[in-house]
PDB file of all heavy atoms in Angstrom:
ATOM      1  N   PHE A   1       0.854  -1.180   0.000  1.00  0.00           N
ATOM      2  CA  PHE A   1       0.000   0.000   0.000  1.00  0.00           C
ATOM      3  C   PHE A   1       0.894   1.235   0.000  1.00  0.00           C
ATOM      4  O   PHE A   1       1.312   1.713   1.056  1.00  0.00           O
ATOM      5  CB  PHE A   1      -0.925  -0.015   1.221  1.00  0.00           C
ATOM      6  CG  PHE A   1      -1.977  -1.082   1.154  1.00  0.00           C
ATOM      7  CD1 PHE A   1      -1.688  -2.389   1.506  1.00  0.00           C
ATOM      8  CD2 PHE A   1      -3.263  -0.781   0.717  1.00  0.00           C
ATOM      9  CE1 PHE A   1      -2.654  -3.384   1.431  1.00  0.00           C
ATOM     10  CE2 PHE A   1      -4.239  -1.768   0.637  1.00  0.00           C
ATOM     11  CZ  PHE A   1      -3.929  -3.073   0.988  1.00  0.00           C
ATOM     12  N   GLU A   2       1.201   1.721  -1.183  1.00  0.00           N
ATOM     13  CA  GLU A   2       2.084   2.875  -1.329  1.00  0.00           C
ATOM     14  C   GLU A   2       1.319   4.001  -2.006  1.00  0.00           C
ATOM     15  O   GLU A   2       1.009   3.936  -3.194  1.00  0.00           O
ATOM     16  CB  GLU A   2       3.319   2.485  -2.139  1.00  0.00           C
ATOM     17  CG  GLU A   2       4.169   1.419  -1.449  1.00  0.00           C
ATOM     18  CD  GLU A   2       5.452   1.133  -2.189  1.00  0.00           C
ATOM     19  OE1 GLU A   2       5.804   1.923  -3.089  1.00  0.00           O
ATOM     20  OE2 GLU A   2       6.108   0.129  -1.861  1.00  0.00           O
ATOM     21  N   SER A   3       1.050   5.048  -1.235  1.00  0.00           N
ATOM     22  CA  SER A   3       0.189   6.120  -1.730  1.00  0.00           C
ATOM     23  C   SER A   3       0.811   6.889  -2.887  1.00  0.00           C
ATOM     24  O   SER A   3       0.109   7.588  -3.618  1.00  0.00           O
ATOM     25  CB  SER A   3      -0.165   7.080  -0.587  1.00  0.00           C
ATOM     26  OG  SER A   3       1.004   7.602   0.031  1.00  0.00           O
ATOM     27  N   GLY A   4       2.123   6.764  -3.088  1.00  0.00           N
ATOM     28  CA  GLY A   4       2.754   7.400  -4.240  1.00  0.00           C
ATOM     29  C   GLY A   4       2.257   6.836  -5.557  1.00  0.00           C
ATOM     30  O   GLY A   4       2.381   7.478  -6.600  1.00  0.00           O
ATOM     31  N   PHE A   5       1.673   5.622  -5.523  1.00  0.00           N
ATOM     32  CA  PHE A   5       1.140   4.982  -6.725  1.00  0.00           C
ATOM     33  C   PHE A   5      -0.391   4.970  -6.731  1.00  0.00           C
ATOM     34  O   PHE A   5      -1.000   4.176  -7.452  1.00  0.00           O
ATOM     35  CB  PHE A   5       1.656   3.544  -6.822  1.00  0.00           C
ATOM     36  CG  PHE A   5       3.096   3.432  -7.236  1.00  0.00           C
ATOM     37  CD1 PHE A   5       4.101   3.435  -6.283  1.00  0.00           C
ATOM     38  CD2 PHE A   5       3.445   3.348  -8.571  1.00  0.00           C
ATOM     39  CE1 PHE A   5       5.434   3.329  -6.654  1.00  0.00           C
ATOM     40  CE2 PHE A   5       4.771   3.247  -8.957  1.00  0.00           C
ATOM     41  CZ  PHE A   5       5.767   3.241  -7.989  1.00  0.00           C
ATOM     42  N   ASP A   6      -1.004   5.867  -5.960  1.00  0.00           N
ATOM     43  CA  ASP A   6      -2.468   5.879  -5.883  1.00  0.00           C
ATOM     44  C   ASP A   6      -3.127   6.187  -7.226  1.00  0.00           C
ATOM     45  O   ASP A   6      -4.201   5.663  -7.530  1.00  0.00           O
ATOM     46  CB  ASP A   6      -2.943   6.890  -4.833  1.00  0.00           C
ATOM     47  CG  ASP A   6      -2.980   6.290  -3.436  1.00  0.00           C
ATOM     48  OD1 ASP A   6      -2.660   5.095  -3.290  1.00  0.00           O
ATOM     49  OD2 ASP A   6      -3.319   7.024  -2.480  1.00  0.00           O
ATOM     50  N   GLN A   7      -2.510   7.041  -8.041  1.00  0.00           N
ATOM     51  CA  GLN A   7      -3.117   7.345  -9.338  1.00  0.00           C
ATOM     52  C   GLN A   7      -3.134   6.098 -10.217  1.00  0.00           C
ATOM     53  O   GLN A   7      -4.149   5.796 -10.874  1.00  0.00           O
ATOM     54  CB  GLN A   7      -2.363   8.472 -10.048  1.00  0.00           C
ATOM     55  CG  GLN A   7      -2.998   8.899 -11.367  1.00  0.00           C
ATOM     56  CD  GLN A   7      -4.421   9.399 -11.200  1.00  0.00           C
ATOM     57  OE1 GLN A   7      -4.672  10.382 -10.510  1.00  0.00           O
ATOM     58  NE2 GLN A   7      -5.393   8.723 -11.814  1.00  0.00           N
ATOM     59  N   GLU A   8      -2.032   5.380 -10.238  1.00  0.00           N
ATOM     60  CA  GLU A   8      -1.971   4.145 -11.026  1.00  0.00           C
ATOM     61  C   GLU A   8      -2.977   3.122 -10.499  1.00  0.00           C
ATOM     62  O   GLU A   8      -3.623   2.405 -11.285  1.00  0.00           O
ATOM     63  CB  GLU A   8      -0.562   3.556 -10.977  1.00  0.00           C
ATOM     64  CG  GLU A   8       0.472   4.370 -11.735  1.00  0.00           C
ATOM     65  CD  GLU A   8       1.127   5.475 -10.914  1.00  0.00           C
ATOM     66  OE1 GLU A   8       0.555   5.865  -9.867  1.00  0.00           O
ATOM     67  OE2 GLU A   8       2.195   5.963 -11.314  1.00  0.00           O
ATOM     68  N   LEU A   9      -3.127   3.067  -9.182  1.00  0.00           N
ATOM     69  CA  LEU A   9      -4.079   2.145  -8.570  1.00  0.00           C
ATOM     70  C   LEU A   9      -5.509   2.516  -8.941  1.00  0.00           C
ATOM     71  O   LEU A   9      -6.319   1.659  -9.316  1.00  0.00           O
ATOM     72  CB  LEU A   9      -3.902   2.160  -7.049  1.00  0.00           C
ATOM     73  CG  LEU A   9      -4.807   1.256  -6.225  1.00  0.00           C
ATOM     74  CD1 LEU A   9      -4.614  -0.204  -6.601  1.00  0.00           C
ATOM     75  CD2 LEU A   9      -4.540   1.465  -4.733  1.00  0.00           C
ATOM     76  N   PHE A  10      -5.818   3.796  -8.875  1.00  0.00           N
ATOM     77  CA  PHE A  10      -7.158   4.267  -9.230  1.00  0.00           C
ATOM     78  C   PHE A  10      -7.451   4.009 -10.702  1.00  0.00           C
ATOM     79  O   PHE A  10      -8.583   3.655 -11.075  1.00  0.00           O
ATOM     80  CB  PHE A  10      -7.299   5.750  -8.898  1.00  0.00           C
ATOM     81  CG  PHE A  10      -8.680   6.301  -9.082  1.00  0.00           C
ATOM     82  CD1 PHE A  10      -9.803   5.621  -8.619  1.00  0.00           C
ATOM     83  CD2 PHE A  10      -8.881   7.518  -9.721  1.00  0.00           C
ATOM     84  CE1 PHE A  10     -11.083   6.128  -8.792  1.00  0.00           C
ATOM     85  CE2 PHE A  10     -10.150   8.028  -9.895  1.00  0.00           C
ATOM     86  CZ  PHE A  10     -11.253   7.330  -9.433  1.00  0.00           C
ATOM     87  N   ASP A  11      -6.431   4.146 -11.547  1.00  0.00           N
ATOM     88  CA  ASP A  11      -6.617   3.873 -12.973  1.00  0.00           C
ATOM     89  C   ASP A  11      -7.041   2.419 -13.211  1.00  0.00           C
ATOM     90  O   ASP A  11      -7.828   2.129 -14.125  1.00  0.00           O
ATOM     91  CB  ASP A  11      -5.330   4.174 -13.743  1.00  0.00           C
ATOM     92  CG  ASP A  11      -5.038   5.666 -13.862  1.00  0.00           C
ATOM     93  OD1 ASP A  11      -5.979   6.471 -13.654  1.00  0.00           O
ATOM     94  OD2 ASP A  11      -3.880   6.021 -14.138  1.00  0.00           O
ATOM     95  N   VAL A  12      -6.508   1.496 -12.414  1.00  0.00           N
ATOM     96  CA  VAL A  12      -6.895   0.088 -12.538  1.00  0.00           C
ATOM     97  C   VAL A  12      -8.378  -0.073 -12.204  1.00  0.00           C
ATOM     98  O   VAL A  12      -9.127  -0.755 -12.918  1.00  0.00           O
ATOM     99  CB  VAL A  12      -6.044  -0.805 -11.613  1.00  0.00           C
ATOM    100  CG1 VAL A  12      -6.593  -2.240 -11.583  1.00  0.00           C
ATOM    101  CG2 VAL A  12      -4.588  -0.817 -12.071  1.00  0.00           C
ATOM    102  N   PHE A  13      -8.817   0.575 -11.133  1.00  0.00           N
ATOM    103  CA  PHE A  13     -10.230   0.456 -10.755  1.00  0.00           C
ATOM    104  C   PHE A  13     -11.148   1.148 -11.765  1.00  0.00           C
ATOM    105  O   PHE A  13     -12.263   0.679 -12.018  1.00  0.00           O
ATOM    106  CB  PHE A  13     -10.441   1.008  -9.336  1.00  0.00           C
ATOM    107  CG  PHE A  13     -10.084   0.016  -8.266  1.00  0.00           C
ATOM    108  CD1 PHE A  13      -8.832   0.034  -7.674  1.00  0.00           C
ATOM    109  CD2 PHE A  13     -10.993  -0.957  -7.879  1.00  0.00           C
ATOM    110  CE1 PHE A  13      -8.491  -0.898  -6.710  1.00  0.00           C
ATOM    111  CE2 PHE A  13     -10.665  -1.902  -6.915  1.00  0.00           C
ATOM    112  CZ  PHE A  13      -9.410  -1.875  -6.324  1.00  0.00           C
ATOM    113  N   LYS A  14     -10.679   2.236 -12.348  1.00  0.00           N
ATOM    114  CA  LYS A  14     -11.478   2.865 -13.405  1.00  0.00           C
ATOM    115  C   LYS A  14     -11.622   1.938 -14.597  1.00  0.00           C
ATOM    116  O   LYS A  14     -12.698   1.851 -15.213  1.00  0.00           O
ATOM    117  CB  LYS A  14     -10.832   4.200 -13.817  1.00  0.00           C
ATOM    118  CG  LYS A  14     -10.983   5.303 -12.782  1.00  0.00           C
ATOM    119  CD  LYS A  14     -10.626   6.673 -13.342  1.00  0.00           C
ATOM    120  CE  LYS A  14      -9.147   6.783 -13.641  1.00  0.00           C
ATOM    121  NZ  LYS A  14      -8.789   8.162 -14.097  1.00  0.00           N
ATOM    122  N   ASP A  15     -10.565   1.215 -14.919  1.00  0.00           N
ATOM    123  CA  ASP A  15     -10.622   0.245 -16.011  1.00  0.00           C
ATOM    124  C   ASP A  15     -11.590  -0.885 -15.673  1.00  0.00           C
ATOM    125  O   ASP A  15     -12.377  -1.318 -16.522  1.00  0.00           O
ATOM    126  CB  ASP A  15      -9.228  -0.313 -16.282  1.00  0.00           C
ATOM    127  CG  ASP A  15      -9.206  -1.303 -17.433  1.00  0.00           C
ATOM    128  OD1 ASP A  15      -9.545  -0.906 -18.562  1.00  0.00           O
ATOM    129  OD2 ASP A  15      -8.854  -2.470 -17.204  1.00  0.00           O
ATOM    130  N   PHE A  16     -11.548  -1.351 -14.428  1.00  0.00           N
ATOM    131  CA  PHE A  16     -12.495  -2.389 -13.995  1.00  0.00           C
ATOM    132  C   PHE A  16     -13.938  -1.912 -14.175  1.00  0.00           C
ATOM    133  O   PHE A  16     -14.797  -2.666 -14.651  1.00  0.00           O
ATOM    134  CB  PHE A  16     -12.263  -2.738 -12.521  1.00  0.00           C
ATOM    135  CG  PHE A  16     -11.034  -3.563 -12.249  1.00  0.00           C
ATOM    136  CD1 PHE A  16     -10.493  -3.608 -10.961  1.00  0.00           C
ATOM    137  CD2 PHE A  16     -10.422  -4.302 -13.240  1.00  0.00           C
ATOM    138  CE1 PHE A  16      -9.378  -4.389 -10.693  1.00  0.00           C
ATOM    139  CE2 PHE A  16      -9.294  -5.075 -12.984  1.00  0.00           C
ATOM    140  CZ  PHE A  16      -8.770  -5.114 -11.690  1.00  0.00           C
ATOM    141  N   LYS A  17     -14.182  -0.659 -13.794  1.00  0.00           N
ATOM    142  CA  LYS A  17     -15.554  -0.151 -13.892  1.00  0.00           C
ATOM    143  C   LYS A  17     -15.967   0.018 -15.351  1.00  0.00           C
ATOM    144  O   LYS A  17     -17.095  -0.327 -15.732  1.00  0.00           O
ATOM    145  CB  LYS A  17     -15.690   1.173 -13.153  1.00  0.00           C
ATOM    146  CG  LYS A  17     -17.126   1.713 -13.179  1.00  0.00           C
ATOM    147  CD  LYS A  17     -17.377   2.758 -12.132  1.00  0.00           C
ATOM    148  CE  LYS A  17     -18.847   3.150 -12.116  1.00  0.00           C
ATOM    149  NZ  LYS A  17     -19.154   4.106 -11.038  1.00  0.00           N
ATOM    150  N   THR A  18     -15.065   0.554 -16.183  1.00  0.00           N
ATOM    151  CA  THR A  18     -15.375   0.732 -17.609  1.00  0.00           C
ATOM    152  C   THR A  18     -15.722  -0.600 -18.263  1.00  0.00           C
ATOM    153  O   THR A  18     -16.619  -0.675 -19.116  1.00  0.00           O
ATOM    154  CB  THR A  18     -14.172   1.376 -18.329  1.00  0.00           C
ATOM    155  OG1 THR A  18     -13.929   2.672 -17.766  1.00  0.00           O
ATOM    156  CG2 THR A  18     -14.452   1.521 -19.817  1.00  0.00           C
ATOM    157  N   LYS A  19     -15.023  -1.650 -17.844  1.00  0.00           N
ATOM    158  CA  LYS A  19     -15.256  -2.980 -18.422  1.00  0.00           C
ATOM    159  C   LYS A  19     -16.379  -3.745 -17.710  1.00  0.00           C
ATOM    160  O   LYS A  19     -16.616  -4.913 -18.015  1.00  0.00           O
ATOM    161  CB  LYS A  19     -13.957  -3.778 -18.407  1.00  0.00           C
ATOM    162  CG  LYS A  19     -12.917  -3.188 -19.357  1.00  0.00           C
ATOM    163  CD  LYS A  19     -11.591  -3.925 -19.306  1.00  0.00           C
ATOM    164  CE  LYS A  19     -10.595  -3.305 -20.294  1.00  0.00           C
ATOM    165  NZ  LYS A  19      -9.251  -3.899 -20.191  1.00  0.00           N
ATOM    166  N   GLU A  20     -17.021  -3.064 -16.760  1.00  0.00           N
ATOM    167  CA  GLU A  20     -18.220  -3.583 -16.088  1.00  0.00           C
ATOM    168  C   GLU A  20     -17.998  -4.962 -15.474  1.00  0.00           C
ATOM    169  O   GLU A  20     -18.746  -5.909 -15.712  1.00  0.00           O
ATOM    170  CB  GLU A  20     -19.408  -3.623 -17.066  1.00  0.00           C
ATOM    171  CG  GLU A  20     -19.781  -2.249 -17.610  1.00  0.00           C
ATOM    172  CD  GLU A  20     -20.965  -2.298 -18.552  1.00  0.00           C
ATOM    173  OE1 GLU A  20     -21.261  -3.373 -19.110  1.00  0.00           O
ATOM    174  OE2 GLU A  20     -21.609  -1.239 -18.724  1.00  0.00           O
ATOM    175  N   ILE A  21     -16.956  -5.060 -14.652  1.00  0.00           N
ATOM    176  CA  ILE A  21     -16.719  -6.352 -14.011  1.00  0.00           C
ATOM    177  C   ILE A  21     -17.846  -6.655 -13.025  1.00  0.00           C
ATOM    178  O   ILE A  21     -18.422  -5.767 -12.421  1.00  0.00           O
ATOM    179  CB  ILE A  21     -15.354  -6.395 -13.291  1.00  0.00           C
ATOM    180  CG1 ILE A  21     -15.342  -5.472 -12.066  1.00  0.00           C
ATOM    181  CG2 ILE A  21     -14.218  -6.073 -14.238  1.00  0.00           C
ATOM    182  CD1 ILE A  21     -14.140  -5.698 -11.160  1.00  0.00           C
ATOM    183  N   SER A  22     -18.134  -7.925 -12.888  1.00  0.00           N
ATOM    184  CA  SER A  22     -19.184  -8.362 -11.960  1.00  0.00           C
ATOM    185  C   SER A  22     -18.601  -8.928 -10.672  1.00  0.00           C
ATOM    186  O   SER A  22     -19.302  -9.020  -9.652  1.00  0.00           O
ATOM    187  CB  SER A  22     -20.062  -9.430 -12.627  1.00  0.00           C
ATOM    188  OG  SER A  22     -19.264 -10.514 -13.087  1.00  0.00           O
ATOM    189  N   ASP A  23     -17.312  -9.330 -10.717  1.00  0.00           N
ATOM    190  CA  ASP A  23     -16.631  -9.867  -9.541  1.00  0.00           C
ATOM    191  C   ASP A  23     -15.178  -9.411  -9.556  1.00  0.00           C
ATOM    192  O   ASP A  23     -14.613  -9.118 -10.614  1.00  0.00           O
ATOM    193  CB  ASP A  23     -16.682 -11.400  -9.529  1.00  0.00           C
ATOM    194  CG  ASP A  23     -18.037 -11.938  -9.089  1.00  0.00           C
ATOM    195  OD1 ASP A  23     -18.316 -11.896  -7.875  1.00  0.00           O
ATOM    196  OD2 ASP A  23     -18.808 -12.372  -9.967  1.00  0.00           O
ATOM    197  N   LEU A  24     -14.597  -9.369  -8.360  1.00  0.00           N
ATOM    198  CA  LEU A  24     -13.209  -8.949  -8.224  1.00  0.00           C
ATOM    199  C   LEU A  24     -12.441  -9.955  -7.380  1.00  0.00           C
ATOM    200  O   LEU A  24     -12.907 -10.378  -6.317  1.00  0.00           O
ATOM    201  CB  LEU A  24     -13.117  -7.572  -7.567  1.00  0.00           C
ATOM    202  CG  LEU A  24     -11.698  -7.073  -7.225  1.00  0.00           C
ATOM    203  CD1 LEU A  24     -10.882  -6.850  -8.498  1.00  0.00           C
ATOM    204  CD2 LEU A  24     -11.750  -5.802  -6.383  1.00  0.00           C
ATOM    205  N   ILE A  25     -11.244 -10.320  -7.868  1.00  0.00           N
ATOM    206  CA  ILE A  25     -10.298 -11.119  -7.094  1.00  0.00           C
ATOM    207  C   ILE A  25      -9.139 -10.192  -6.744  1.00  0.00           C
ATOM    208  O   ILE A  25      -8.416  -9.719  -7.622  1.00  0.00           O
ATOM    209  CB  ILE A  25      -9.788 -12.331  -7.898  1.00  0.00           C
ATOM    210  CG1 ILE A  25     -10.959 -13.208  -8.349  1.00  0.00           C
ATOM    211  CG2 ILE A  25      -8.807 -13.146  -7.057  1.00  0.00           C
ATOM    212  CD1 ILE A  25     -10.565 -14.298  -9.338  1.00  0.00           C
ATOM    213  N   LEU A  26      -8.985  -9.903  -5.459  1.00  0.00           N
ATOM    214  CA  LEU A  26      -7.929  -9.013  -4.972  1.00  0.00           C
ATOM    215  C   LEU A  26      -6.837  -9.877  -4.352  1.00  0.00           C
ATOM    216  O   LEU A  26      -7.055 -10.544  -3.340  1.00  0.00           O
ATOM    217  CB  LEU A  26      -8.498  -8.032  -3.938  1.00  0.00           C
ATOM    218  CG  LEU A  26      -7.508  -7.075  -3.278  1.00  0.00           C
ATOM    219  CD1 LEU A  26      -6.844  -6.165  -4.309  1.00  0.00           C
ATOM    220  CD2 LEU A  26      -8.210  -6.233  -2.206  1.00  0.00           C
ATOM    221  N   ASP A  27      -5.660  -9.862  -4.965  1.00  0.00           N
ATOM    222  CA  ASP A  27      -4.557 -10.727  -4.545  1.00  0.00           C
ATOM    223  C   ASP A  27      -3.616  -9.952  -3.634  1.00  0.00           C
ATOM    224  O   ASP A  27      -2.859  -9.099  -4.075  1.00  0.00           O
ATOM    225  CB  ASP A  27      -3.819 -11.234  -5.789  1.00  0.00           C
ATOM    226  CG  ASP A  27      -2.916 -12.417  -5.497  1.00  0.00           C
ATOM    227  OD1 ASP A  27      -2.467 -12.543  -4.347  1.00  0.00           O
ATOM    228  OD2 ASP A  27      -2.662 -13.212  -6.426  1.00  0.00           O
ATOM    229  N   LEU A  28      -3.663 -10.292  -2.334  1.00  0.00           N
ATOM    230  CA  LEU A  28      -2.841  -9.636  -1.321  1.00  0.00           C
ATOM    231  C   LEU A  28      -1.845 -10.619  -0.702  1.00  0.00           C
ATOM    232  O   LEU A  28      -1.378 -10.425   0.413  1.00  0.00           O
ATOM    233  CB  LEU A  28      -3.737  -9.044  -0.225  1.00  0.00           C
ATOM    234  CG  LEU A  28      -4.759  -7.999  -0.680  1.00  0.00           C
ATOM    235  CD1 LEU A  28      -5.696  -7.630   0.475  1.00  0.00           C
ATOM    236  CD2 LEU A  28      -4.073  -6.738  -1.220  1.00  0.00           C
ATOM    237  N   ARG A  29      -1.498 -11.668  -1.434  1.00  0.00           N
ATOM    238  CA  ARG A  29      -0.652 -12.733  -0.887  1.00  0.00           C
ATOM    239  C   ARG A  29       0.688 -12.242  -0.360  1.00  0.00           C
ATOM    240  O   ARG A  29       1.214 -12.761   0.617  1.00  0.00           O
ATOM    241  CB  ARG A  29      -0.406 -13.802  -1.961  1.00  0.00           C
ATOM    242  CG  ARG A  29      -1.514 -14.798  -2.080  1.00  0.00           C
ATOM    243  CD  ARG A  29      -1.223 -15.821  -3.145  1.00  0.00           C
ATOM    244  NE  ARG A  29      -1.573 -15.354  -4.483  1.00  0.00           N
ATOM    245  CZ  ARG A  29      -1.629 -16.157  -5.538  1.00  0.00           C
ATOM    246  NH1 ARG A  29      -1.342 -17.441  -5.416  1.00  0.00           N
ATOM    247  NH2 ARG A  29      -1.974 -15.692  -6.721  1.00  0.00           N
ATOM    248  N   TYR A  30       1.273 -11.260  -1.017  1.00  0.00           N
ATOM    249  CA  TYR A  30       2.624 -10.814  -0.659  1.00  0.00           C
ATOM    250  C   TYR A  30       2.620  -9.364  -0.172  1.00  0.00           C
ATOM    251  O   TYR A  30       3.626  -8.671  -0.256  1.00  0.00           O
ATOM    252  CB  TYR A  30       3.556 -10.976  -1.865  1.00  0.00           C
ATOM    253  CG  TYR A  30       3.374 -12.302  -2.548  1.00  0.00           C
ATOM    254  CD1 TYR A  30       2.980 -12.391  -3.882  1.00  0.00           C
ATOM    255  CD2 TYR A  30       3.541 -13.494  -1.845  1.00  0.00           C
ATOM    256  CE1 TYR A  30       2.788 -13.617  -4.503  1.00  0.00           C
ATOM    257  CE2 TYR A  30       3.338 -14.723  -2.452  1.00  0.00           C
ATOM    258  CZ  TYR A  30       2.969 -14.781  -3.773  1.00  0.00           C
ATOM    259  OH  TYR A  30       2.757 -16.002  -4.371  1.00  0.00           O
ATOM    260  N   ASN A  31       1.476  -8.927   0.341  1.00  0.00           N
ATOM    261  CA  ASN A  31       1.319  -7.525   0.735  1.00  0.00           C
ATOM    262  C   ASN A  31       1.381  -7.389   2.250  1.00  0.00           C
ATOM    263  O   ASN A  31       0.434  -7.745   2.961  1.00  0.00           O
ATOM    264  CB  ASN A  31      -0.011  -6.990   0.194  1.00  0.00           C
ATOM    265  CG  ASN A  31      -0.091  -5.480   0.273  1.00  0.00           C
ATOM    266  OD1 ASN A  31       0.291  -4.882   1.275  1.00  0.00           O
ATOM    267  ND2 ASN A  31      -0.586  -4.847  -0.780  1.00  0.00           N
ATOM    268  N   GLY A  32       2.505  -6.856   2.733  1.00  0.00           N
ATOM    269  CA  GLY A  32       2.701  -6.692   4.168  1.00  0.00           C
ATOM    270  C   GLY A  32       2.144  -5.423   4.751  1.00  0.00           C
ATOM    271  O   GLY A  32       2.297  -5.150   5.942  1.00  0.00           O
ATOM    272  N   GLY A  33       1.478  -4.589   3.934  1.00  0.00           N
ATOM    273  CA  GLY A  33       0.843  -3.387   4.469  1.00  0.00           C
ATOM    274  C   GLY A  33       1.362  -2.115   3.833  1.00  0.00           C
ATOM    275  O   GLY A  33       1.849  -2.103   2.706  1.00  0.00           O
ATOM    276  N   GLY A  34       1.269  -1.017   4.587  1.00  0.00           N
ATOM    277  CA  GLY A  34       1.688   0.284   4.082  1.00  0.00           C
ATOM    278  C   GLY A  34       0.739   1.382   4.489  1.00  0.00           C
ATOM    279  O   GLY A  34       0.231   1.397   5.620  1.00  0.00           O
ATOM    280  N   ASP A  35       0.451   2.305   3.566  1.00  0.00           N
ATOM    281  CA  ASP A  35      -0.322   3.499   3.884  1.00  0.00           C
ATOM    282  C   ASP A  35      -1.807   3.216   4.064  1.00  0.00           C
ATOM    283  O   ASP A  35      -2.452   2.619   3.182  1.00  0.00           O
ATOM    284  CB  ASP A  35      -0.171   4.536   2.760  1.00  0.00           C
ATOM    285  CG  ASP A  35       1.263   5.022   2.621  1.00  0.00           C
ATOM    286  OD1 ASP A  35       1.972   5.012   3.636  1.00  0.00           O
ATOM    287  OD2 ASP A  35       1.662   5.398   1.512  1.00  0.00           O
ATOM    288  N   VAL A  36      -2.348   3.683   5.176  1.00  0.00           N
ATOM    289  CA  VAL A  36      -3.781   3.562   5.438  1.00  0.00           C
ATOM    290  C   VAL A  36      -4.590   4.245   4.341  1.00  0.00           C
ATOM    291  O   VAL A  36      -5.653   3.771   3.945  1.00  0.00           O
ATOM    292  CB  VAL A  36      -4.122   4.167   6.814  1.00  0.00           C
ATOM    293  CG1 VAL A  36      -5.634   4.297   6.991  1.00  0.00           C
ATOM    294  CG2 VAL A  36      -3.546   3.310   7.935  1.00  0.00           C
ATOM    295  N   THR A  37      -4.073   5.350   3.812  1.00  0.00           N
ATOM    296  CA  THR A  37      -4.819   6.093   2.797  1.00  0.00           C
ATOM    297  C   THR A  37      -5.074   5.237   1.552  1.00  0.00           C
ATOM    298  O   THR A  37      -6.152   5.278   0.964  1.00  0.00           O
ATOM    299  CB  THR A  37      -4.076   7.405   2.420  1.00  0.00           C
ATOM    300  OG1 THR A  37      -4.845   8.124   1.473  1.00  0.00           O
ATOM    301  CG2 THR A  37      -2.694   7.130   1.856  1.00  0.00           C
ATOM    302  N   SER A  38      -4.092   4.423   1.142  1.00  0.00           N
ATOM    303  CA  SER A  38      -4.284   3.570  -0.026  1.00  0.00           C
ATOM    304  C   SER A  38      -5.238   2.423   0.272  1.00  0.00           C
ATOM    305  O   SER A  38      -5.975   1.967  -0.611  1.00  0.00           O
ATOM    306  CB  SER A  38      -2.936   3.022  -0.508  1.00  0.00           C
ATOM    307  OG  SER A  38      -2.065   4.077  -0.855  1.00  0.00           O
ATOM    308  N   ALA A  39      -5.250   1.962   1.517  1.00  0.00           N
ATOM    309  CA  ALA A  39      -6.223   0.953   1.930  1.00  0.00           C
ATOM    310  C   ALA A  39      -7.629   1.513   1.815  1.00  0.00           C
ATOM    311  O   ALA A  39      -8.568   0.818   1.404  1.00  0.00           O
ATOM    312  CB  ALA A  39      -5.934   0.494   3.352  1.00  0.00           C
ATOM    313  N   ASN A  40      -7.777   2.791   2.153  1.00  0.00           N
ATOM    314  CA  ASN A  40      -9.077   3.452   2.044  1.00  0.00           C
ATOM    315  C   ASN A  40      -9.507   3.544   0.584  1.00  0.00           C
ATOM    316  O   ASN A  40     -10.677   3.318   0.240  1.00  0.00           O
ATOM    317  CB  ASN A  40      -8.990   4.847   2.668  1.00  0.00           C
ATOM    318  CG  ASN A  40     -10.349   5.448   2.958  1.00  0.00           C
ATOM    319  OD1 ASN A  40     -11.255   5.394   2.137  1.00  0.00           O
ATOM    320  ND2 ASN A  40     -10.494   6.042   4.138  1.00  0.00           N
ATOM    321  N   LEU A  41      -8.566   3.847  -0.308  1.00  0.00           N
ATOM    322  CA  LEU A  41      -8.882   3.933  -1.730  1.00  0.00           C
ATOM    323  C   LEU A  41      -9.414   2.603  -2.256  1.00  0.00           C
ATOM    324  O   LEU A  41     -10.457   2.549  -2.920  1.00  0.00           O
ATOM    325  CB  LEU A  41      -7.635   4.358  -2.515  1.00  0.00           C
ATOM    326  CG  LEU A  41      -7.813   4.682  -4.010  1.00  0.00           C
ATOM    327  CD1 LEU A  41      -6.705   5.615  -4.482  1.00  0.00           C
ATOM    328  CD2 LEU A  41      -7.807   3.433  -4.874  1.00  0.00           C
ATOM    329  N   ILE A  42      -8.698   1.517  -1.962  1.00  0.00           N
ATOM    330  CA  ILE A  42      -9.114   0.204  -2.465  1.00  0.00           C
ATOM    331  C   ILE A  42     -10.476  -0.187  -1.915  1.00  0.00           C
ATOM    332  O   ILE A  42     -11.371  -0.608  -2.656  1.00  0.00           O
ATOM    333  CB  ILE A  42      -8.067  -0.862  -2.103  1.00  0.00           C
ATOM    334  CG1 ILE A  42      -6.852  -0.728  -3.017  1.00  0.00           C
ATOM    335  CG2 ILE A  42      -8.641  -2.276  -2.226  1.00  0.00           C
ATOM    336  CD1 ILE A  42      -5.799  -1.794  -2.814  1.00  0.00           C
TER     337      ILE A  42
END
């Protein structure tokens, strides 16, 4: 969770919405944490 990449992260979610996904698989297998603000975004 690195807030310096929040724009890139938001772009992924905008793409998901444009493509009208019905389900999401969020892979956090190797994610040890980071900024609370980016957690809020996701």
